[in-house]
Amino acid sequence: MRRFGLKVFSADAVDFIGRIIGQGERSVFGKPADNGRRIKGPLAGGKSLLSQREQQVLLCLHEGKSNKEIARALGLSEPTVKFHLKNVFSKLGVSRRAMALAVSAKLNLK
């Protein structure tokens, strides 16, 4: 956490990360994990935490694209890309691109 300049997670972020890491049966994209067990909670029932567009934006982020490049690739405006990135950051409990990449890599989202 210090590597990212972050000293403390909010209570909501700690709860969210604990649910994801502690019950890693489903990824944030709603895909079943290798062990195939079912979980209870917000990711149960095949529901995805991230919308389809947020997933696409996150994948572009993993490719190292800038907001402008993401917008061109997905046929969106830059403010719309920023909106989706803000939502992704919020749902992953992070505040920066690098942190989102690290958390999504840790959760095997790419």
N, C-alpha and C. Protein backbone atom coordinates (compact mmCIF):
# COMPACT_ATOMS: atom_id res chain seq x y z
N MET A 1 0.82 -1.19 0.00
CA MET A 1 0.00 0.00 0.00
C MET A 1 0.86 1.25 0.00
N ARG A 2 1.98 1.22 0.69
CA ARG A 2 2.82 2.42 0.73
C ARG A 2 3.42 2.73 -0.63
N ARG A 3 3.62 1.69 -1.43
CA ARG A 3 4.18 1.91 -2.76
C ARG A 3 3.30 2.83 -3.58
N PHE A 4 2.00 2.80 -3.33
CA PHE A 4 1.06 3.65 -4.04
C PHE A 4 0.77 4.94 -3.30
N GLY A 5 1.45 5.18 -2.17
CA GLY A 5 1.19 6.39 -1.41
C GLY A 5 -0.09 6.33 -0.61
N LEU A 6 -0.55 5.14 -0.33
CA LEU A 6 -1.82 4.96 0.36
C LEU A 6 -1.52 4.42 1.75
N LYS A 7 -2.03 5.09 2.77
CA LYS A 7 -1.76 4.67 4.14
C LYS A 7 -2.90 3.85 4.71
N VAL A 8 -4.13 4.20 4.38
CA VAL A 8 -5.28 3.54 4.97
C VAL A 8 -6.38 3.40 3.93
N PHE A 9 -7.00 2.23 3.90
CA PHE A 9 -8.19 2.05 3.08
C PHE A 9 -9.41 2.47 3.88
N SER A 10 -10.44 2.90 3.20
CA SER A 10 -11.69 3.20 3.89
C SER A 10 -12.31 1.90 4.38
N ALA A 11 -13.25 1.99 5.30
CA ALA A 11 -13.91 0.80 5.83
C ALA A 11 -14.63 0.04 4.72
N ASP A 12 -15.24 0.76 3.78
CA ASP A 12 -15.92 0.12 2.66
C ASP A 12 -14.94 -0.62 1.77
N ALA A 13 -13.77 -0.02 1.52
CA ALA A 13 -12.76 -0.66 0.68
C ALA A 13 -12.22 -1.92 1.34
N VAL A 14 -11.99 -1.87 2.64
CA VAL A 14 -11.50 -3.04 3.36
C VAL A 14 -12.53 -4.17 3.30
N ASP A 15 -13.80 -3.83 3.49
CA ASP A 15 -14.86 -4.82 3.43
C ASP A 15 -14.93 -5.44 2.04
N PHE A 16 -14.88 -4.60 1.01
CA PHE A 16 -14.95 -5.07 -0.37
C PHE A 16 -13.77 -5.98 -0.70
N ILE A 17 -12.57 -5.55 -0.39
CA ILE A 17 -11.37 -6.33 -0.70
C ILE A 17 -11.39 -7.65 0.06
N GLY A 18 -11.86 -7.60 1.31
CA GLY A 18 -11.97 -8.82 2.09
C GLY A 18 -12.92 -9.82 1.47
N ARG A 19 -14.05 -9.32 0.95
CA ARG A 19 -15.02 -10.21 0.30
C ARG A 19 -14.44 -10.81 -0.97
N ILE A 20 -13.74 -9.99 -1.74
CA ILE A 20 -13.19 -10.47 -3.01
C ILE A 20 -12.05 -11.46 -2.78
N ILE A 21 -11.09 -11.09 -1.96
CA ILE A 21 -9.92 -11.94 -1.73
C ILE A 21 -10.28 -13.13 -0.85
N GLY A 22 -11.08 -12.89 0.18
CA GLY A 22 -11.44 -13.96 1.10
C GLY A 22 -12.36 -15.00 0.48
N GLN A 23 -13.16 -14.61 -0.48
CA GLN A 23 -14.09 -15.53 -1.13
C GLN A 23 -13.84 -15.56 -2.62
N GLY A 24 -12.62 -15.68 -3.03
CA GLY A 24 -12.24 -15.55 -4.42
C GLY A 24 -12.86 -16.53 -5.38
N GLU A 25 -14.07 -17.01 -5.10
CA GLU A 25 -14.69 -17.96 -5.98
C GLU A 25 -15.14 -17.35 -7.30
N ARG A 26 -15.37 -16.06 -7.34
CA ARG A 26 -15.73 -15.39 -8.58
C ARG A 26 -14.85 -14.16 -8.74
N SER A 27 -14.49 -13.88 -9.97
CA SER A 27 -13.74 -12.66 -10.24
C SER A 27 -14.71 -11.49 -10.31
N VAL A 28 -14.19 -10.29 -10.41
CA VAL A 28 -15.03 -9.10 -10.51
C VAL A 28 -15.85 -9.12 -11.80
N PHE A 29 -15.37 -9.84 -12.83
CA PHE A 29 -16.09 -9.91 -14.08
C PHE A 29 -17.23 -10.92 -14.02
N GLY A 30 -17.42 -11.59 -12.87
CA GLY A 30 -18.52 -12.52 -12.72
C GLY A 30 -18.25 -13.90 -13.30
N LYS A 31 -17.01 -14.18 -13.70
CA LYS A 31 -16.67 -15.48 -14.22
C LYS A 31 -16.36 -16.42 -13.06
N PRO A 32 -16.81 -17.68 -13.14
CA PRO A 32 -16.49 -18.62 -12.07
C PRO A 32 -14.99 -18.87 -12.00
N ALA A 33 -14.49 -19.03 -10.81
CA ALA A 33 -13.08 -19.37 -10.63
C ALA A 33 -12.88 -20.85 -10.90
N ASP A 34 -11.62 -21.29 -10.84
CA ASP A 34 -11.29 -22.67 -11.17
C ASP A 34 -11.96 -23.69 -10.27
N ASN A 35 -12.19 -23.35 -9.01
CA ASN A 35 -12.73 -24.34 -8.08
C ASN A 35 -14.23 -24.54 -8.26
N GLY A 36 -14.93 -23.64 -8.94
CA GLY A 36 -16.33 -23.82 -9.27
C GLY A 36 -17.32 -23.74 -8.12
N ARG A 37 -16.89 -23.39 -6.91
CA ARG A 37 -17.82 -23.30 -5.79
C ARG A 37 -18.68 -22.06 -5.91
N ARG A 38 -19.84 -22.08 -5.28
CA ARG A 38 -20.75 -20.94 -5.27
C ARG A 38 -20.49 -20.08 -4.05
N ILE A 39 -20.76 -18.78 -4.17
CA ILE A 39 -20.62 -17.88 -3.05
C ILE A 39 -21.92 -17.14 -2.82
N LYS A 40 -22.01 -16.56 -1.67
CA LYS A 40 -23.14 -15.70 -1.34
C LYS A 40 -22.65 -14.26 -1.42
N GLY A 41 -23.54 -13.35 -1.67
CA GLY A 41 -23.16 -11.95 -1.66
C GLY A 41 -23.35 -11.28 -3.00
N PRO A 42 -22.71 -10.11 -3.17
CA PRO A 42 -22.98 -9.28 -4.34
C PRO A 42 -22.51 -9.88 -5.66
N LEU A 43 -21.61 -10.86 -5.63
CA LEU A 43 -21.11 -11.43 -6.88
C LEU A 43 -21.76 -12.76 -7.19
N ALA A 44 -22.68 -13.21 -6.36
CA ALA A 44 -23.33 -14.50 -6.58
C ALA A 44 -24.34 -14.39 -7.72
N GLY A 45 -24.69 -15.53 -8.27
CA GLY A 45 -25.72 -15.56 -9.30
C GLY A 45 -25.24 -15.10 -10.66
N GLY A 46 -23.94 -15.07 -10.89
CA GLY A 46 -23.42 -14.70 -12.19
C GLY A 46 -23.43 -13.20 -12.47
N LYS A 47 -23.82 -12.41 -11.49
CA LYS A 47 -23.83 -10.96 -11.70
C LYS A 47 -22.40 -10.44 -11.65
N SER A 48 -22.12 -9.51 -12.50
CA SER A 48 -20.79 -8.93 -12.57
C SER A 48 -20.75 -7.61 -11.80
N LEU A 49 -19.64 -7.40 -11.13
CA LEU A 49 -19.47 -6.14 -10.41
C LEU A 49 -19.30 -4.98 -11.38
N LEU A 50 -18.55 -5.20 -12.45
CA LEU A 50 -18.31 -4.17 -13.45
C LEU A 50 -19.26 -4.35 -14.63
N SER A 51 -19.73 -3.22 -15.16
CA SER A 51 -20.56 -3.28 -16.37
C SER A 51 -19.69 -3.73 -17.54
N GLN A 52 -20.34 -4.10 -18.62
CA GLN A 52 -19.60 -4.54 -19.80
C GLN A 52 -18.67 -3.42 -20.30
N ARG A 53 -19.15 -2.20 -20.32
CA ARG A 53 -18.33 -1.08 -20.80
C ARG A 53 -17.15 -0.84 -19.85
N GLU A 54 -17.39 -0.95 -18.55
CA GLU A 54 -16.30 -0.79 -17.58
C GLU A 54 -15.25 -1.87 -17.77
N GLN A 55 -15.68 -3.08 -18.09
CA GLN A 55 -14.74 -4.16 -18.37
C GLN A 55 -13.89 -3.83 -19.60
N GLN A 56 -14.54 -3.29 -20.64
CA GLN A 56 -13.81 -2.93 -21.85
C GLN A 56 -12.80 -1.83 -21.57
N VAL A 57 -13.20 -0.83 -20.78
CA VAL A 57 -12.29 0.26 -20.43
C VAL A 57 -11.11 -0.27 -19.62
N LEU A 58 -11.38 -1.19 -18.68
CA LEU A 58 -10.30 -1.77 -17.87
C LEU A 58 -9.33 -2.56 -18.74
N LEU A 59 -9.84 -3.29 -19.72
CA LEU A 59 -8.96 -4.03 -20.61
C LEU A 59 -8.08 -3.08 -21.43
N CYS A 60 -8.64 -1.98 -21.89
CA CYS A 60 -7.84 -0.98 -22.61
C CYS A 60 -6.79 -0.38 -21.69
N LEU A 61 -7.15 -0.20 -20.44
CA LEU A 61 -6.21 0.33 -19.45
C LEU A 61 -5.04 -0.63 -19.28
N HIS A 62 -5.32 -1.93 -19.28
CA HIS A 62 -4.26 -2.93 -19.18
C HIS A 62 -3.34 -2.90 -20.39
N GLU A 63 -3.86 -2.47 -21.53
CA GLU A 63 -3.05 -2.37 -22.74
C GLU A 63 -2.21 -1.10 -22.75
N GLY A 64 -2.37 -0.27 -21.72
CA GLY A 64 -1.56 0.95 -21.60
C GLY A 64 -2.07 2.12 -22.41
N LYS A 65 -3.33 2.08 -22.79
CA LYS A 65 -3.89 3.17 -23.59
C LYS A 65 -4.23 4.37 -22.73
N SER A 66 -4.10 5.54 -23.34
CA SER A 66 -4.50 6.79 -22.68
C SER A 66 -6.01 6.94 -22.79
N ASN A 67 -6.56 7.93 -22.08
CA ASN A 67 -8.00 8.17 -22.16
C ASN A 67 -8.44 8.44 -23.60
N LYS A 68 -7.64 9.20 -24.33
CA LYS A 68 -7.98 9.53 -25.71
C LYS A 68 -7.97 8.27 -26.58
N GLU A 69 -6.97 7.40 -26.39
CA GLU A 69 -6.90 6.16 -27.16
C GLU A 69 -8.05 5.22 -26.82
N ILE A 70 -8.42 5.16 -25.53
CA ILE A 70 -9.55 4.34 -25.11
C ILE A 70 -10.83 4.86 -25.78
N ALA A 71 -10.99 6.18 -25.76
CA ALA A 71 -12.18 6.78 -26.36
C ALA A 71 -12.28 6.44 -27.84
N ARG A 72 -11.18 6.54 -28.56
CA ARG A 72 -11.18 6.21 -29.99
C ARG A 72 -11.46 4.74 -30.23
N ALA A 73 -10.85 3.87 -29.42
CA ALA A 73 -11.02 2.43 -29.60
C ALA A 73 -12.46 1.98 -29.34
N LEU A 74 -13.12 2.62 -28.38
CA LEU A 74 -14.47 2.20 -28.00
C LEU A 74 -15.57 3.09 -28.58
N GLY A 75 -15.19 4.13 -29.31
CA GLY A 75 -16.17 5.02 -29.92
C GLY A 75 -16.90 5.87 -28.89
N LEU A 76 -16.16 6.32 -27.88
CA LEU A 76 -16.73 7.14 -26.81
C LEU A 76 -16.06 8.51 -26.79
N SER A 77 -16.62 9.42 -26.02
CA SER A 77 -15.95 10.70 -25.79
C SER A 77 -15.02 10.54 -24.59
N GLU A 78 -14.03 11.42 -24.49
CA GLU A 78 -13.10 11.36 -23.36
C GLU A 78 -13.79 11.53 -22.01
N PRO A 79 -14.76 12.46 -21.87
CA PRO A 79 -15.45 12.55 -20.58
C PRO A 79 -16.19 11.26 -20.20
N THR A 80 -16.70 10.54 -21.19
CA THR A 80 -17.37 9.28 -20.90
C THR A 80 -16.36 8.24 -20.42
N VAL A 81 -15.18 8.21 -21.02
CA VAL A 81 -14.12 7.30 -20.58
C VAL A 81 -13.74 7.64 -19.14
N LYS A 82 -13.60 8.92 -18.84
CA LYS A 82 -13.26 9.33 -17.47
C LYS A 82 -14.35 8.89 -16.49
N PHE A 83 -15.61 8.99 -16.91
CA PHE A 83 -16.72 8.56 -16.07
C PHE A 83 -16.61 7.06 -15.77
N HIS A 84 -16.35 6.25 -16.80
CA HIS A 84 -16.23 4.81 -16.60
C HIS A 84 -15.02 4.48 -15.73
N LEU A 85 -13.91 5.17 -15.94
CA LEU A 85 -12.72 4.94 -15.12
C LEU A 85 -13.01 5.28 -13.65
N LYS A 86 -13.73 6.36 -13.43
CA LYS A 86 -14.09 6.74 -12.06
C LYS A 86 -14.91 5.63 -11.41
N ASN A 87 -15.84 5.06 -12.16
CA ASN A 87 -16.65 3.96 -11.64
C ASN A 87 -15.81 2.72 -11.36
N VAL A 88 -14.89 2.40 -12.26
CA VAL A 88 -14.01 1.25 -12.06
C VAL A 88 -13.17 1.46 -10.80
N PHE A 89 -12.58 2.65 -10.66
CA PHE A 89 -11.76 2.95 -9.49
C PHE A 89 -12.58 2.80 -8.22
N SER A 90 -13.80 3.30 -8.25
CA SER A 90 -14.67 3.22 -7.08
C SER A 90 -14.99 1.77 -6.73
N LYS A 91 -15.32 0.98 -7.73
CA LYS A 91 -15.69 -0.42 -7.48
C LYS A 91 -14.50 -1.26 -7.05
N LEU A 92 -13.29 -0.92 -7.50
CA LEU A 92 -12.10 -1.65 -7.08
C LEU A 92 -11.51 -1.09 -5.79
N GLY A 93 -12.01 0.05 -5.34
CA GLY A 93 -11.52 0.65 -4.10
C GLY A 93 -10.16 1.29 -4.24
N VAL A 94 -9.90 1.87 -5.41
CA VAL A 94 -8.60 2.50 -5.67
C VAL A 94 -8.83 3.95 -6.13
N SER A 95 -7.73 4.68 -6.26
CA SER A 95 -7.86 6.08 -6.68
C SER A 95 -6.97 6.44 -7.86
N ARG A 96 -6.16 5.49 -8.33
CA ARG A 96 -5.24 5.78 -9.44
C ARG A 96 -5.23 4.64 -10.43
N ARG A 97 -4.77 4.95 -11.66
CA ARG A 97 -4.70 3.95 -12.72
C ARG A 97 -3.79 2.80 -12.33
N ALA A 98 -2.61 3.12 -11.82
CA ALA A 98 -1.64 2.09 -11.44
C ALA A 98 -2.21 1.17 -10.36
N MET A 99 -2.94 1.76 -9.43
CA MET A 99 -3.55 0.96 -8.37
C MET A 99 -4.63 0.04 -8.95
N ALA A 100 -5.41 0.54 -9.89
CA ALA A 100 -6.45 -0.27 -10.53
C ALA A 100 -5.82 -1.44 -11.28
N LEU A 101 -4.71 -1.18 -11.96
CA LEU A 101 -4.01 -2.25 -12.66
C LEU A 101 -3.48 -3.29 -11.68
N ALA A 102 -2.92 -2.83 -10.57
CA ALA A 102 -2.37 -3.76 -9.57
C ALA A 102 -3.47 -4.60 -8.94
N VAL A 103 -4.58 -3.98 -8.56
CA VAL A 103 -5.68 -4.72 -7.94
C VAL A 103 -6.29 -5.70 -8.94
N SER A 104 -6.51 -5.27 -10.17
CA SER A 104 -7.12 -6.16 -11.15
C SER A 104 -6.17 -7.30 -11.52
N ALA A 105 -4.87 -7.05 -11.53
CA ALA A 105 -3.91 -8.12 -11.78
C ALA A 105 -3.91 -9.12 -10.62
N LYS A 106 -3.98 -8.60 -9.41
CA LYS A 106 -4.03 -9.45 -8.22
C LYS A 106 -5.28 -10.33 -8.22
N LEU A 107 -6.38 -9.80 -8.72
CA LEU A 107 -7.64 -10.53 -8.79
C LEU A 107 -7.80 -11.30 -10.09
N ASN A 108 -6.74 -11.33 -10.91
CA ASN A 108 -6.75 -12.04 -12.20
C ASN A 108 -7.88 -11.57 -13.11
N LEU A 109 -8.00 -10.25 -13.25
CA LEU A 109 -9.08 -9.70 -14.07
C LEU A 109 -8.68 -9.44 -15.51
N LYS A 110 -7.40 -9.48 -15.83
CA LYS A 110 -7.03 -9.15 -17.20
C LYS A 110 -6.97 -10.34 -18.10
